[in-house]
Amino acid sequence: MIRRCTASDLDTIFEIINDAAKAYRGVIPGDRWHEPYMPSEALVREIEDGVIFWGLEQEGRLLGVMGIQDRGDVTLIRHAYVRTGFQKQGIGTRLLLYLENLTHKPILVGTWKDARWAISFYQRNGYILVPDEEKDGLLRKYWSIPERQVETSVVLANQKWAAAQPGHAPHA
């Protein structure tokens, strides 16, 4: 079952994010990695900034979480993580499809440039890489992230966003 997470899920969301984010260690720039990957205070700030977490629950246990954030003219998919022992079972795809149905706006996703598995996940689900000459502006406009993270990230967009861009050609 997919459900909206509540305040009582905060510790579990923290646990899932930091478990799954271990995959970034040694992949993303060393100056961007820290332990835990997302401190609890940062998680609380994200929620206060409008990220709404949804989770896939099985037998009373959250197995994966994904956030959605309204940013005016677009919707962002934020913090998509599945417990390490439950990855590659379709949980992320189910969450993504569910969240896509919660908005009629174009959807953008930001992730690390070197997280090839994350980029591939979104591409398999119909997202396209935004050209480098556009991604920095999008990251600065819609996300509140350090400049170093802007430099080392990519943005992917759904077809609705791509279709709205004049002369936009998809990039694989």
Protein backbone atom coordinates (compact mmCIF):
# COMPACT_ATOMS: atom_id res chain seq x y z
CA MET A 1 0.00 0.00 0.00
CA ILE A 2 1.19 3.52 -0.77
CA ARG A 3 0.32 6.13 1.82
CA ARG A 4 1.23 9.63 2.83
CA CYS A 5 3.82 9.62 5.58
CA THR A 6 3.06 11.30 8.88
CA ALA A 7 5.14 12.85 11.66
CA SER A 8 5.27 9.45 13.34
CA ASP A 9 7.18 8.12 10.29
CA LEU A 10 10.03 10.63 10.62
CA ASP A 11 12.50 8.20 12.20
CA THR A 12 11.69 5.55 9.59
CA ILE A 13 12.09 8.01 6.70
CA PHE A 14 15.46 9.03 8.17
CA GLU A 15 16.47 5.36 8.41
CA ILE A 16 15.42 4.52 4.84
CA ILE A 17 17.13 7.56 3.31
CA ASN A 18 20.40 6.96 5.11
CA ASP A 19 20.37 3.22 4.45
CA ALA A 20 19.82 3.62 0.70
CA ALA A 21 22.13 6.64 0.40
CA LYS A 22 25.11 4.48 1.35
CA ALA A 23 25.26 3.72 -2.39
CA TYR A 24 26.52 7.28 -2.90
CA ARG A 25 29.63 6.76 -0.77
CA GLY A 26 32.66 6.80 -3.05
CA VAL A 27 30.50 7.78 -6.05
CA ILE A 28 29.51 11.37 -5.42
CA PRO A 29 32.23 13.95 -4.76
CA GLY A 30 33.89 13.36 -1.41
CA ASP A 31 33.12 16.89 -0.26
CA ARG A 32 29.38 16.17 -0.70
CA TRP A 33 29.34 12.92 1.29
CA HIS A 34 28.77 13.01 5.03
CA GLU A 35 27.55 10.60 7.68
CA PRO A 36 24.65 10.45 8.05
CA TYR A 37 23.95 11.43 4.47
CA MET A 38 20.85 13.35 5.52
CA PRO A 39 20.90 14.45 9.17
CA SER A 40 17.53 14.47 10.92
CA GLU A 41 17.58 18.28 11.12
CA ALA A 42 17.95 18.47 7.33
CA LEU A 43 15.06 16.06 6.87
CA VAL A 44 12.86 18.21 9.10
CA ARG A 45 13.88 21.32 7.12
CA GLU A 46 12.93 19.61 3.85
CA ILE A 47 9.47 18.79 5.24
CA GLU A 48 9.09 22.35 6.56
CA ASP A 49 10.00 23.55 3.04
CA GLY A 50 7.07 21.63 1.57
CA VAL A 51 8.40 18.18 0.71
CA ILE A 52 5.59 15.70 1.29
CA PHE A 53 6.78 12.13 1.74
CA TRP A 54 4.86 9.12 0.55
CA GLY A 55 5.82 5.58 1.39
CA LEU A 56 5.23 2.08 0.15
CA GLU A 57 4.25 -0.05 3.12
CA GLN A 58 4.16 -3.82 3.21
CA GLU A 59 3.02 -5.79 6.25
CA GLY A 60 3.13 -2.63 8.35
CA ARG A 61 6.71 -1.71 7.36
CA LEU A 62 7.77 1.16 5.12
CA LEU A 63 10.06 -0.21 2.42
CA GLY A 64 10.58 2.92 0.36
CA VAL A 65 9.86 6.63 0.45
CA MET A 66 9.65 9.39 -2.12
CA GLY A 67 8.92 13.07 -1.68
CA ILE A 68 6.94 15.44 -3.84
CA GLN A 69 7.25 19.22 -3.67
CA ASP A 70 5.14 21.87 -5.35
CA ARG A 71 7.36 24.67 -6.66
CA GLY A 72 4.78 26.82 -8.43
CA ASP A 73 4.92 26.03 -12.12
CA VAL A 74 6.59 22.63 -11.64
CA THR A 75 6.52 19.71 -9.24
CA LEU A 76 9.74 18.20 -7.93
CA ILE A 77 10.31 14.56 -7.05
CA ARG A 78 12.59 14.62 -4.00
CA HIS A 79 14.46 12.10 -1.89
CA ALA A 80 13.49 8.82 -3.55
CA TYR A 81 14.91 5.91 -1.55
CA VAL A 82 14.19 2.21 -1.09
CA ARG A 83 15.63 0.07 1.69
CA THR A 84 18.75 -1.69 0.45
CA GLY A 85 17.29 -5.18 0.89
CA PHE A 86 14.19 -4.32 -1.16
CA GLN A 87 15.68 -2.54 -4.17
CA LYS A 88 15.09 -3.74 -7.73
CA GLN A 89 11.60 -5.02 -6.84
CA GLY A 90 9.58 -2.21 -8.45
CA ILE A 91 9.02 -0.21 -5.26
CA GLY A 92 10.59 2.97 -6.63
CA THR A 93 8.62 2.69 -9.86
CA ARG A 94 5.35 2.20 -7.99
CA LEU A 95 6.05 5.24 -5.84
CA LEU A 96 7.05 7.36 -8.83
CA LEU A 97 3.93 6.44 -10.80
CA TYR A 98 1.76 7.18 -7.78
CA LEU A 99 3.34 10.60 -7.23
CA GLU A 100 3.12 11.45 -10.92
CA ASN A 101 -0.64 11.02 -10.63
CA LEU A 102 -0.80 13.57 -7.80
CA THR A 103 0.10 16.49 -10.10
CA HIS A 104 -0.79 17.84 -13.51
CA LYS A 105 2.30 20.04 -13.59
CA PRO A 106 5.57 19.26 -15.34
CA ILE A 107 7.88 17.19 -13.11
CA LEU A 108 11.59 17.71 -12.52
CA VAL A 109 14.03 15.47 -10.64
CA GLY A 110 17.53 16.33 -9.53
CA THR A 111 20.17 13.74 -8.77
CA TRP A 112 23.94 13.37 -8.65
CA LYS A 113 25.69 13.36 -12.03
CA ASP A 114 27.66 10.24 -11.07
CA ALA A 115 24.67 8.29 -9.71
CA ARG A 116 24.21 6.42 -12.97
CA TRP A 117 21.72 3.96 -11.43
CA ALA A 118 19.42 6.84 -10.38
CA ILE A 119 19.62 8.48 -13.79
CA SER A 120 18.87 5.14 -15.47
CA PHE A 121 15.88 4.58 -13.16
CA TYR A 122 14.27 7.84 -14.22
CA GLN A 123 15.12 7.30 -17.89
CA ARG A 124 13.48 3.86 -17.77
CA ASN A 125 10.41 5.65 -16.45
CA GLY A 126 10.26 8.12 -19.35
CA TYR A 127 12.33 11.02 -18.02
CA ILE A 128 14.92 12.80 -20.11
CA LEU A 129 18.14 14.53 -19.10
CA VAL A 130 17.85 18.29 -19.28
CA PRO A 131 20.71 19.78 -21.31
CA ASP A 132 23.64 21.04 -19.22
CA GLU A 133 23.07 24.61 -20.40
CA GLU A 134 19.59 24.55 -18.75
CA LYS A 135 20.09 22.38 -15.68
CA ASP A 136 22.06 24.87 -13.56
CA GLY A 137 19.33 27.49 -13.88
CA LEU A 138 16.66 24.97 -12.95
CA LEU A 139 18.62 23.75 -9.94
CA ARG A 140 19.11 27.31 -8.72
CA LYS A 141 15.47 28.26 -9.32
CA TYR A 142 13.65 25.27 -7.84
CA TRP A 143 16.05 23.70 -5.32
CA SER A 144 17.77 25.13 -2.26
CA ILE A 145 21.13 23.41 -2.61
CA PRO A 146 24.75 24.53 -2.34
CA GLU A 147 26.52 25.71 -5.48
CA ARG A 148 28.84 22.68 -5.34
CA GLN A 149 25.81 20.42 -5.56
CA VAL A 150 24.53 22.38 -8.57
CA GLU A 151 27.90 21.73 -10.27
CA THR A 152 27.77 17.99 -9.60
CA SER A 153 24.11 17.28 -10.31
CA VAL A 154 21.81 16.68 -13.27
CA VAL A 155 18.13 17.38 -13.80
CA LEU A 156 15.72 14.99 -15.44
CA ALA A 157 12.28 16.00 -16.67
CA ASN A 158 9.10 14.22 -17.62
CA GLN A 159 7.63 14.45 -21.10
CA LYS A 160 5.17 17.16 -20.02
CA TRP A 161 8.08 19.45 -19.17
CA ALA A 162 9.95 18.56 -22.36
CA ALA A 163 6.90 19.20 -24.53
CA ALA A 164 6.53 22.69 -23.05
CA GLN A 165 10.12 23.68 -23.98
CA PRO A 166 10.41 25.46 -27.34
CA GLY A 167 12.76 23.54 -29.59
CA HIS A 168 13.63 21.10 -26.82
CA ALA A 169 15.26 17.90 -28.07
CA PRO A 170 15.49 14.94 -25.68
CA HIS A 171 18.95 13.88 -24.50
CA ALA A 172 19.69 10.31 -23.49
